Protein backbone atom coordinates (compact mmCIF):
# COMPACT_ATOMS: atom_id res chain seq x y z
CA MET A 1 -64.26 28.13 -0.03
CA THR A 2 -61.31 25.82 0.59
CA MET A 3 -57.96 27.26 -0.31
CA PRO A 4 -55.24 25.05 -1.86
CA SER A 5 -52.90 23.68 0.74
CA HIS A 6 -49.84 25.37 -0.79
CA ALA A 7 -51.44 28.82 -0.59
CA ALA A 8 -51.63 28.88 3.19
CA GLY A 9 -47.98 28.28 3.82
CA ALA A 10 -44.69 27.73 2.05
CA PRO A 11 -44.90 26.55 -1.52
CA HIS A 12 -44.91 22.78 -1.86
CA VAL A 13 -41.87 21.31 -3.58
CA ALA A 14 -42.52 18.04 -5.30
CA ALA A 15 -40.10 15.25 -4.49
CA LYS A 16 -37.84 14.23 -7.31
CA ALA A 17 -39.06 11.01 -8.89
CA VAL A 18 -36.70 8.08 -9.01
CA ASP A 19 -35.70 7.17 -12.56
CA TRP A 20 -36.01 3.40 -12.21
CA SER A 21 -35.87 2.75 -15.93
CA GLY A 22 -32.64 4.71 -16.31
CA SER A 23 -31.05 3.07 -13.27
CA LEU A 24 -32.01 -0.41 -14.43
CA ARG A 25 -30.76 0.37 -17.94
CA ASP A 26 -27.38 1.53 -16.63
CA ALA A 27 -27.09 -1.49 -14.34
CA GLY A 28 -28.02 -3.84 -17.16
CA PHE A 29 -25.44 -2.32 -19.48
CA ALA A 30 -22.74 -2.59 -16.80
CA ALA A 31 -23.71 -6.22 -16.19
CA PHE A 32 -23.53 -6.94 -19.95
CA VAL A 33 -20.00 -5.49 -20.12
CA ALA A 34 -19.08 -7.56 -17.05
CA LEU A 35 -20.44 -10.66 -18.77
CA LEU A 36 -18.27 -10.06 -21.83
CA LEU A 37 -15.18 -9.64 -19.64
CA THR A 38 -15.78 -12.43 -17.12
CA VAL A 39 -16.60 -15.22 -19.57
CA PRO A 40 -13.02 -15.48 -20.93
CA LEU A 41 -11.26 -14.27 -17.76
CA VAL A 42 -13.24 -16.05 -15.04
CA GLY A 43 -15.62 -18.51 -16.68
CA LEU A 44 -12.96 -20.58 -18.46
CA ARG A 45 -10.01 -22.20 -16.73
CA THR A 46 -7.26 -24.39 -18.15
CA ILE A 47 -6.65 -27.65 -16.29
CA ASP A 48 -4.26 -30.57 -16.72
CA ARG A 49 -5.87 -33.84 -17.77
CA PRO A 50 -4.35 -37.25 -18.50
CA THR A 51 -5.07 -36.70 -22.18
CA GLY A 52 -3.59 -33.19 -22.22
CA LEU A 53 -4.57 -29.63 -21.48
CA GLY A 54 -8.30 -29.03 -21.10
CA ILE A 55 -10.72 -26.22 -20.39
CA GLU A 56 -13.09 -26.22 -17.44
CA ALA A 57 -16.21 -24.04 -17.47
CA ARG A 58 -17.19 -22.21 -14.29
CA PRO A 59 -20.60 -20.64 -15.00
CA GLU A 60 -21.42 -20.02 -11.32
CA GLU A 61 -18.45 -17.64 -11.00
CA VAL A 62 -19.61 -15.73 -14.08
CA VAL A 63 -23.16 -15.43 -12.74
CA ALA A 64 -21.88 -14.25 -9.35
CA SER A 65 -19.64 -11.61 -10.95
CA VAL A 66 -22.41 -10.31 -13.21
CA LEU A 67 -24.86 -10.10 -10.31
CA LEU A 68 -22.29 -8.23 -8.24
CA VAL A 69 -21.81 -5.65 -11.00
CA PHE A 70 -25.54 -5.33 -11.66
CA PHE A 71 -26.64 -4.74 -8.09
CA GLY A 72 -23.58 -2.63 -7.32
CA ARG A 73 -24.24 -0.31 -10.25
CA LEU A 74 -27.94 -0.19 -9.39
CA GLY A 75 -27.13 0.71 -5.79
CA LEU A 76 -24.77 3.50 -6.86
CA GLY A 77 -27.42 4.88 -9.19
CA LEU A 78 -30.06 4.90 -6.47
CA ILE A 79 -27.65 6.56 -4.05
CA GLY A 80 -27.14 9.35 -6.54
CA GLN A 81 -30.92 9.85 -6.70
CA GLY A 82 -31.31 10.29 -2.94
CA LEU A 83 -32.12 6.70 -1.87
CA ALA A 84 -28.93 6.18 0.09
CA LEU A 85 -30.65 5.06 3.31
CA PRO A 86 -32.63 2.14 1.79
CA VAL A 87 -29.57 1.07 -0.16
CA LEU A 88 -27.53 1.15 3.06
CA PHE A 89 -29.91 -1.22 4.86
CA LEU A 90 -30.13 -3.61 1.90
CA ALA A 91 -26.33 -3.68 1.45
CA LEU A 92 -25.79 -4.38 5.17
CA ALA A 93 -28.38 -7.16 5.00
CA ALA A 94 -26.59 -8.73 2.02
CA ALA A 95 -23.22 -8.58 3.79
CA ALA A 96 -24.75 -10.10 6.95
CA VAL A 97 -26.26 -12.94 4.93
CA GLY A 98 -22.87 -13.67 3.40
CA LEU A 99 -21.25 -13.81 6.83
CA ALA A 100 -23.92 -15.71 8.76
CA ILE A 101 -25.40 -18.23 6.33
CA PRO A 102 -23.38 -21.14 4.84
CA LEU A 103 -23.12 -20.70 1.09
CA PRO A 104 -22.26 -23.27 -1.59
CA THR A 105 -19.22 -21.42 -2.94
CA GLN A 106 -16.68 -18.93 -1.65
CA VAL A 107 -17.30 -16.79 -4.71
CA LEU A 108 -20.92 -16.19 -3.70
CA ARG A 109 -19.75 -15.29 -0.21
CA LEU A 110 -17.32 -12.79 -1.74
CA VAL A 111 -20.13 -11.27 -3.80
CA LEU A 112 -22.35 -10.74 -0.78
CA VAL A 113 -19.74 -9.68 1.79
CA ALA A 114 -17.37 -7.58 -0.34
CA GLY A 115 -20.01 -6.14 -2.64
CA GLY A 116 -22.46 -5.44 0.17
CA GLY A 117 -19.72 -3.91 2.30
CA ILE A 118 -18.50 -1.57 -0.44
CA ILE A 119 -22.02 -0.38 -1.32
CA ALA A 120 -22.84 0.03 2.38
CA LEU A 121 -19.78 2.23 2.90
CA ARG A 122 -20.69 4.34 -0.11
CA ALA A 123 -24.30 4.70 1.06
CA ALA A 124 -23.28 5.49 4.65
CA PHE A 125 -20.94 8.19 3.41
CA ALA A 126 -23.71 9.68 1.26
CA VAL A 127 -26.15 9.63 4.21
CA THR A 128 -23.75 11.36 6.62
CA THR A 129 -22.35 13.96 4.21
CA HIS A 130 -25.22 14.39 1.71
CA ARG A 131 -22.58 13.86 -0.96
CA SER A 132 -25.13 13.14 -3.68
CA LYS A 133 -26.29 16.77 -3.38
CA LEU A 134 -22.81 18.27 -3.65
CA THR A 135 -21.00 19.47 -6.72
CA LEU A 136 -17.62 18.00 -7.61
CA ALA A 137 -15.73 21.01 -6.23
CA GLU A 138 -17.76 20.99 -2.99
CA ARG A 139 -17.16 17.28 -2.61
CA ASP A 140 -13.41 17.70 -3.06
CA ARG A 141 -13.30 20.48 -0.46
CA LYS A 142 -15.26 18.36 1.99
CA MET A 143 -12.93 15.42 1.44
CA ASP A 144 -9.94 17.69 1.96
CA ARG A 145 -11.38 18.76 5.30
CA VAL A 146 -11.94 15.14 6.28
CA ALA A 147 -8.37 14.27 5.28
CA ALA A 148 -7.06 17.23 7.27
CA GLN A 149 -8.99 16.10 10.35
CA VAL A 150 -7.62 12.58 10.00
CA GLN A 151 -4.08 13.92 9.62
CA HIS A 152 -4.48 16.03 12.75
CA ALA A 153 -5.90 13.04 14.62
CA THR A 154 -2.81 10.96 13.86
CA LYS A 155 -0.99 12.62 16.78
CA TYR A 156 -3.41 10.68 19.00
CA ILE A 157 -3.87 7.60 16.82
CA ALA A 158 -0.15 7.00 16.24
CA PRO A 159 0.74 6.28 19.91
CA VAL A 160 -2.21 3.89 20.17
CA ALA A 161 -1.17 2.13 16.96
CA PHE A 162 2.42 1.91 18.20
CA ILE A 163 1.34 0.33 21.50
CA GLY A 164 -0.89 -2.09 19.61
CA ALA A 165 1.97 -3.06 17.30
CA VAL A 166 4.31 -3.64 20.24
CA LEU A 167 1.77 -5.74 22.13
CA LEU A 168 0.60 -7.76 19.11
CA PRO A 169 3.06 -10.70 19.56
CA MET A 170 2.00 -10.96 23.21
CA THR A 171 -1.69 -11.48 22.46
CA PRO A 172 -3.28 -14.96 22.24
CA LEU A 173 -4.07 -14.32 18.55
CA ALA A 174 -0.39 -13.96 17.62
CA ASP A 175 0.24 -17.17 15.68
CA ARG A 176 2.79 -17.75 12.95
CA GLN A 177 0.48 -16.58 10.16
CA LEU A 178 -0.45 -13.32 11.88
CA LEU A 179 3.18 -12.52 12.65
CA ASP A 180 4.22 -13.24 9.06
CA ILE A 181 1.50 -10.90 7.77
CA GLY A 182 2.61 -8.25 10.27
CA ILE A 183 6.22 -8.54 9.07
CA LEU A 184 5.10 -8.26 5.45
CA LEU A 185 3.01 -5.17 6.16
CA LEU A 186 5.80 -3.47 8.11
CA THR A 187 8.29 -4.19 5.32
CA TYR A 188 6.09 -2.47 2.75
CA ILE A 189 5.37 0.39 5.15
CA MET A 190 9.11 0.93 5.49
CA LEU A 191 9.55 0.83 1.71
CA GLY A 192 6.65 3.22 1.24
CA TRP A 193 8.11 5.70 3.72
CA GLY A 194 11.45 5.48 1.94
CA LEU A 195 9.98 6.09 -1.51
CA ASN A 196 7.81 8.87 -0.07
CA ILE A 197 10.96 10.96 0.36
CA VAL A 198 11.60 10.93 -3.38
CA VAL A 199 8.01 11.01 -4.66
CA GLY A 200 6.13 12.82 -1.91
CA LEU A 201 8.72 15.34 -0.71
CA ALA A 202 11.08 15.91 -3.63
CA GLY A 203 8.39 15.42 -6.28
CA LEU A 204 10.38 12.93 -8.41
CA LEU A 205 8.60 10.01 -10.08
CA ASP A 206 10.80 6.98 -9.36
CA LEU A 207 9.73 3.77 -11.14
CA GLY A 208 12.84 1.78 -10.23
CA TYR A 209 12.88 1.86 -6.43
CA VAL A 210 13.00 -1.93 -6.35
CA ALA A 211 16.60 -1.70 -7.63
CA PHE A 212 17.78 -0.29 -4.28
CA TYR A 213 15.73 -2.97 -2.51
CA ALA A 214 17.60 -5.58 -4.57
CA VAL A 215 21.00 -3.97 -3.92
CA GLY A 216 20.41 -4.16 -0.18
CA ALA A 217 19.26 -7.77 -0.31
CA TYR A 218 22.12 -8.99 -2.49
CA SER A 219 24.66 -6.94 -0.55
CA TYR A 220 23.87 -8.80 2.64
CA ALA A 221 23.56 -12.19 0.91
CA LEU A 222 26.89 -11.88 -0.92
CA LEU A 223 28.80 -10.41 2.04
CA ALA A 224 27.53 -13.18 4.28
CA HIS A 225 28.21 -15.85 1.65
CA TYR A 226 31.73 -14.82 0.59
CA PHE A 227 33.07 -13.14 3.75
CA GLY A 228 31.01 -14.73 6.51
CA LEU A 229 29.86 -11.38 7.93
CA SER A 230 26.92 -11.29 10.33
CA PHE A 231 23.63 -9.53 9.74
CA TRP A 232 24.45 -6.74 12.18
CA VAL A 233 27.65 -5.91 10.30
CA CYS A 234 26.02 -6.18 6.87
CA LEU A 235 22.92 -4.11 7.70
CA PRO A 236 24.68 -0.71 7.65
CA LEU A 237 26.90 -1.83 4.75
CA ALA A 238 23.83 -2.77 2.71
CA GLY A 239 22.35 0.67 3.35
CA LEU A 240 25.57 2.40 2.34
CA LEU A 241 25.91 0.36 -0.85
CA ALA A 242 22.30 1.08 -1.77
CA ALA A 243 22.85 4.80 -1.11
CA PHE A 244 25.96 4.68 -3.32
CA SER A 245 23.91 3.08 -6.10
CA GLY A 246 21.34 5.87 -5.67
CA VAL A 247 24.06 8.46 -6.13
CA LEU A 248 25.34 6.62 -9.22
CA LEU A 249 21.85 6.68 -10.71
CA GLY A 250 20.92 10.17 -9.63
CA PHE A 251 24.00 12.13 -10.60
CA PRO A 252 23.74 11.70 -14.40
CA VAL A 253 19.92 11.71 -14.72
CA LEU A 254 18.63 14.24 -12.19
CA ARG A 255 18.77 16.97 -14.79
CA LEU A 256 15.92 15.22 -16.58
CA ARG A 257 12.32 15.98 -15.70
CA GLY A 258 8.91 14.41 -15.83
CA ASP A 259 8.35 11.35 -17.98
CA TYR A 260 11.98 11.23 -19.16
CA PHE A 261 13.21 10.92 -15.60
CA ALA A 262 10.64 8.21 -14.82
CA ILE A 263 11.70 6.20 -17.88
CA VAL A 264 15.36 6.35 -16.85
CA THR A 265 14.58 5.10 -13.32
CA LEU A 266 12.51 2.30 -14.82
CA GLY A 267 15.44 1.34 -17.01
CA PHE A 268 17.80 1.37 -14.03
CA GLY A 269 15.59 -1.07 -12.19
CA GLU A 270 15.56 -3.42 -15.17
CA ILE A 271 19.35 -3.11 -15.61
CA VAL A 272 19.90 -4.21 -12.00
CA ARG A 273 17.56 -7.17 -12.43
CA ILE A 274 19.20 -8.27 -15.69
CA ILE A 275 22.66 -8.06 -14.11
CA LEU A 276 21.48 -10.26 -11.26
CA VAL A 277 20.11 -12.79 -13.74
CA ASN A 278 23.12 -12.90 -16.08
CA TRP A 279 26.05 -12.63 -13.64
CA TYR A 280 25.71 -16.29 -12.78
CA GLN A 281 29.18 -16.82 -11.31
CA PHE A 282 28.72 -14.07 -8.71
CA THR A 283 25.00 -13.73 -7.97
CA GLY A 284 23.83 -17.26 -8.74
CA GLY A 285 21.82 -16.06 -11.73
CA PRO A 286 18.17 -17.12 -11.85
CA ASN A 287 18.85 -19.79 -9.22
CA GLY A 288 19.40 -17.08 -6.63
CA ILE A 289 21.26 -17.40 -3.34
CA SER A 290 20.12 -19.82 -0.65
CA GLY A 291 21.25 -20.51 2.87
CA ILE A 292 21.39 -16.84 3.85
CA PRO A 293 22.22 -16.66 7.58
CA ARG A 294 19.50 -15.71 10.01
CA PRO A 295 20.15 -12.85 12.44
CA SER A 296 21.31 -13.60 15.94
CA PHE A 297 20.08 -11.88 19.08
CA PHE A 298 22.48 -8.93 18.77
CA GLY A 299 25.42 -11.33 18.55
CA LEU A 300 24.69 -12.77 22.01
CA ALA A 301 22.54 -15.80 21.25
CA GLU A 302 21.04 -17.78 18.40
CA PHE A 303 17.44 -18.85 17.99
CA SER A 304 18.22 -22.50 17.22
CA ARG A 305 17.96 -25.37 19.64
CA THR A 306 21.64 -26.22 19.17
CA PRO A 307 23.60 -22.97 18.59
CA ALA A 308 27.06 -22.74 17.09
CA GLU A 309 30.12 -23.09 19.25
CA GLY A 310 30.73 -20.04 21.39
CA MET A 311 27.10 -18.86 21.12
CA ALA A 312 24.31 -19.33 23.64
CA ALA A 313 20.80 -20.47 22.81
CA PHE A 314 18.15 -17.76 23.10
CA HIS A 315 15.74 -19.89 25.12
CA GLU A 316 18.49 -20.96 27.52
CA LEU A 317 19.77 -17.39 27.90
CA PHE A 318 16.37 -16.19 29.11
CA GLY A 319 15.23 -19.43 30.77
CA LEU A 320 12.41 -20.10 28.28
CA GLU A 321 11.12 -23.24 26.66
CA PHE A 322 12.35 -23.55 23.08
CA SER A 323 9.90 -22.35 20.44
CA PRO A 324 10.44 -21.59 16.74
CA LEU A 325 8.25 -18.52 17.22
CA HIS A 326 11.01 -16.78 19.18
CA ARG A 327 12.87 -15.97 15.97
CA ILE A 328 9.69 -14.81 14.21
CA VAL A 329 8.79 -12.52 17.09
CA PHE A 330 12.32 -11.08 17.07
CA MET A 331 12.10 -10.48 13.31
CA TYR A 332 8.78 -8.71 13.84
CA TYR A 333 10.25 -6.36 16.43
CA LEU A 334 13.31 -5.81 14.25
CA ILE A 335 11.35 -4.64 11.21
CA LEU A 336 9.09 -2.59 13.51
CA ALA A 337 12.15 -0.79 14.89
CA LEU A 338 13.56 -0.21 11.38
CA ALA A 339 10.24 1.16 10.09
CA LEU A 340 9.87 3.48 13.08
CA ALA A 341 13.43 4.72 12.60
CA VAL A 342 12.63 5.61 8.98
CA ASN A 343 9.44 7.38 10.05
CA LEU A 344 11.11 9.41 12.79
CA PHE A 345 13.99 10.35 10.48
CA THR A 346 11.57 11.52 7.79
CA LEU A 347 9.47 13.56 10.21
CA ARG A 348 12.58 15.21 11.58
CA ILE A 349 14.30 15.95 8.28
CA ARG A 350 11.17 17.65 6.93
CA LYS A 351 11.72 20.48 9.40
CA LEU A 352 15.37 20.90 8.50
CA PRO A 353 16.57 23.07 5.61
CA LEU A 354 17.07 19.98 3.46
CA GLY A 355 13.46 18.89 3.86
CA ARG A 356 12.15 22.39 3.20
CA ALA A 357 14.30 22.54 0.06
CA TRP A 358 12.71 19.27 -1.15
CA GLU A 359 9.24 20.70 -0.67
CA ALA A 360 10.22 23.89 -2.48
CA LEU A 361 11.59 21.90 -5.42
CA ARG A 362 8.42 19.85 -5.54
CA GLU A 363 6.29 22.96 -5.81
CA ASP A 364 8.39 24.99 -8.28
CA GLU A 365 11.92 24.15 -9.42
CA ILE A 366 12.50 27.46 -11.22
CA ALA A 367 11.49 29.54 -8.21
CA SER A 368 13.66 27.35 -5.96
CA ALA A 369 16.68 27.83 -8.22
CA SER A 370 16.13 31.58 -8.19
CA LEU A 371 16.39 31.47 -4.39
CA GLY A 372 19.78 29.78 -4.56
CA ILE A 373 18.77 26.16 -3.96
CA ASN A 374 21.09 23.70 -5.69
CA ARG A 375 18.56 21.47 -7.42
CA THR A 376 20.98 18.69 -8.33
CA ASN A 377 22.43 18.32 -4.83
CA MET A 378 19.02 18.41 -3.14
CA LYS A 379 17.60 15.76 -5.46
CA LEU A 380 20.74 13.68 -5.09
CA ALA A 381 20.37 13.76 -1.31
CA ALA A 382 16.75 12.62 -1.61
CA PHE A 383 17.76 9.76 -3.88
CA ALA A 384 20.61 8.65 -1.65
CA ILE A 385 18.57 8.71 1.58
CA ALA A 386 15.60 6.92 0.02
CA ALA A 387 17.93 4.33 -1.52
CA MET A 388 19.60 3.75 1.86
CA PHE A 389 16.23 2.96 3.46
CA GLY A 390 15.44 0.63 0.57
CA GLY A 391 18.77 -1.10 1.17
CA PHE A 392 17.95 -1.60 4.85
CA ALA A 393 14.62 -3.15 3.89
CA GLY A 394 16.30 -5.38 1.31
CA SER A 395 18.84 -6.62 3.84
CA PHE A 396 16.02 -7.51 6.21
CA PHE A 397 14.13 -9.24 3.40
CA ALA A 398 17.13 -11.41 2.61
CA THR A 399 17.66 -12.55 6.19
CA ARG A 400 13.94 -13.03 6.68
CA GLN A 401 13.49 -15.27 3.63
CA GLY A 402 16.83 -17.08 3.75
CA PHE A 403 16.72 -17.17 -0.06
CA ILE A 404 16.63 -14.47 -2.73
CA SER A 405 16.44 -14.51 -6.51
CA PRO A 406 15.90 -11.90 -9.25
CA GLU A 407 12.22 -12.86 -9.43
CA SER A 408 11.70 -11.09 -6.09
CA PHE A 409 12.76 -7.72 -7.55
CA THR A 410 10.69 -7.22 -10.69
CA PHE A 411 8.98 -4.04 -11.85
CA ILE A 412 5.72 -5.10 -10.22
CA GLU A 413 7.34 -4.54 -6.81
CA SER A 414 8.20 -0.96 -7.75
CA ALA A 415 4.65 -0.48 -9.01
CA ILE A 416 3.19 -1.77 -5.74
CA ILE A 417 5.37 0.49 -3.61
CA LEU A 418 4.56 3.49 -5.81
CA ALA A 419 0.84 2.61 -5.62
CA ILE A 420 1.09 2.65 -1.83
CA VAL A 421 2.60 6.14 -1.84
CA VAL A 422 0.16 7.58 -4.40
CA LEU A 423 -2.92 5.87 -2.96
CA GLY A 424 -2.19 7.03 0.55
CA GLY A 425 -1.54 10.61 -0.57
CA MET A 426 1.90 11.76 -1.65
CA GLY A 427 3.79 13.25 1.26
CA SER A 428 1.56 11.66 3.90
CA GLN A 429 3.19 9.29 6.36
CA ALA A 430 -0.15 8.13 7.77
CA GLY A 431 -1.45 7.65 4.24
CA VAL A 432 1.33 5.16 3.52
CA VAL A 433 0.20 3.04 6.49
CA VAL A 434 -3.46 3.10 5.42
CA ALA A 435 -2.61 2.33 1.80
CA THR A 436 -0.35 -0.57 2.82
CA LEU A 437 -3.20 -2.13 4.78
CA LEU A 438 -5.35 -1.91 1.65
CA VAL A 439 -2.82 -2.79 -1.07
CA ILE A 440 -1.00 -5.56 0.84
CA GLY A 441 -3.45 -6.50 3.57
CA LEU A 442 -6.51 -6.83 1.32
CA PRO A 443 -5.05 -9.59 -0.90
CA GLU A 444 -3.84 -11.41 2.22
CA ALA A 445 -7.33 -11.25 3.71
CA PHE A 446 -8.73 -12.90 0.57
CA ARG A 447 -5.91 -15.43 0.19
CA GLU A 448 -8.31 -18.34 0.71
CA LEU A 449 -10.10 -17.31 -2.47
CA ALA A 450 -7.00 -18.30 -4.47
CA ASP A 451 -7.46 -16.95 -8.00
CA TYR A 452 -10.02 -14.36 -6.94
CA ARG A 453 -8.00 -12.52 -4.32
CA MET A 454 -6.25 -10.40 -6.95
CA LEU A 455 -9.66 -9.69 -8.50
CA ALA A 456 -10.81 -8.41 -5.11
CA PHE A 457 -7.62 -6.36 -4.85
CA GLY A 458 -8.22 -4.79 -8.26
CA MET A 459 -11.83 -3.99 -7.39
CA GLY A 460 -10.75 -2.28 -4.20
CA MET A 461 -8.13 -0.21 -6.00
CA VAL A 462 -10.64 0.92 -8.64
CA VAL A 463 -13.22 1.89 -6.02
CA ILE A 464 -10.73 3.86 -3.97
CA MET A 465 -9.25 5.73 -6.91
CA LEU A 466 -12.72 6.64 -8.18
CA TRP A 467 -13.69 7.85 -4.72
CA ARG A 468 -10.45 9.66 -3.85
CA PRO A 469 -8.22 9.98 -6.95
CA ARG A 470 -5.66 12.27 -5.25
CA GLY A 471 -5.04 9.80 -2.44
CA LEU A 472 -6.83 8.85 0.74
CA LEU A 473 -5.01 11.38 2.93
CA ALA A 474 -3.90 13.86 0.30
CA HIS A 475 -4.11 16.84 2.66
CA ARG A 476 -0.93 17.74 4.48
CA ASP A 477 -0.18 20.94 6.37
CA PRO A 478 3.02 22.83 5.50
CA THR A 479 5.95 21.50 7.47
CA ILE A 480 7.19 24.96 8.45
CA LEU A 481 4.99 28.03 8.93
CA LEU A 482 5.99 31.66 9.28
CA HIS A 483 6.09 33.04 12.81
CA GLY A 484 2.53 33.56 13.96
CA GLY A 485 1.14 31.90 10.87
CA LYS A 486 -2.02 29.82 11.04
CA LYS A 487 -2.54 26.47 9.47
CA PRO A 488 -5.05 26.56 6.66
CA ALA A 489 -8.48 25.09 7.30
CA THR A 490 -8.28 23.05 4.14
CA GLY A 491 -5.43 22.04 1.93
CA GLY A 492 -4.80 20.57 -1.40
CA ALA A 493 -2.98 17.41 -2.14
CA ALA A 494 0.77 17.33 -1.88
CA ARG A 495 2.07 17.24 -5.38
């Protein structure tokens, strides 16, 4: 008599059936919602015609967006049901088709490359970590361990990144566009590191950081315009004036907490912008200030072909052929040095009593006060130092652009800088760098898509915040440990 196959050995466990109808239903519903949203936002565009303003229909963009949502939602559903490996291969194939085969529109290329790439990353992560089989708590602990490993690896990655940044202008790929993007990224990295002192270390939600950025920029522009001071004289003055404005803001409002404090900082940022717009006789009003002097080579030479009297030309001083890229390369190295100075200062001050007091206040203000920490003075120091770094960045921005106006210092700039800090993981220096590459670098990578690059930026932000809502590198070891103490294997996000 033949025994059943499951009786001779381990009991047979039936494989879980794939719910195709449910996955297709969810994907269809998501595509229907996308259709309702994309028809007015993407499918219709106002254009100027000889007879007046008209509307142009773009049905191919709507179809591409709906297909992206449908197949993306279907892929995520199948990943959750254990089919991550087939989804990975199909997503990689779609991305390869978008890269290799000429397509009629850039939108279709975006659908295949960006959509396929995102789904492929999600599927690859599920394959390697079996995330679809984990509970939410287990997933968070695993992500914390991954973030901790990345943070520990930065001691090896940081020197390599520094060498790469130093050598970038010397590579054959270093054209004007690449250097401009590098300068932009380094400027936002510096701003993110500055705001990280207030938000990540001291635990204060600052929505008006752009005000200190504006104070630094206008300080240099006005000092150079009215008194003829050079950039190297105005750079420290701009930082000091921005720090003074931080003290003026912080002293009366640092007794507030939570949302009330955030609202006051938001109002301060708007007050500064409105003053710049309305004080026409002094700041130029909405017309801004133009003709801001460019920096010289440490007061020794200028980067123009015909320098001012008493100054040497940079190319003649070093025996080089004149090139307009010399000034751009110098600006790149200048902002790199400023950003590194901010980073080194922050890493050092964390280990000092002031930095440890900030972390204590972030965790529990009442307990910190019971230990004798002066909450007002500690917060005031955080505000002043962060504002000083914002002033340095603003001074560089002014000399880099040669023109500034109030439109450069709106609330959206504060929101972007805050998004960089939160997305990277509050308190994480490496997280600020990674988040800057995503928040600032991603729209630049899709600049050729014109109207759709901000759509790609928004999609990336949504995906990242759904995947890692506490920040990409939210784990951070305590700055100071007790003698003989061991670093924890996992850690929560810095508050």
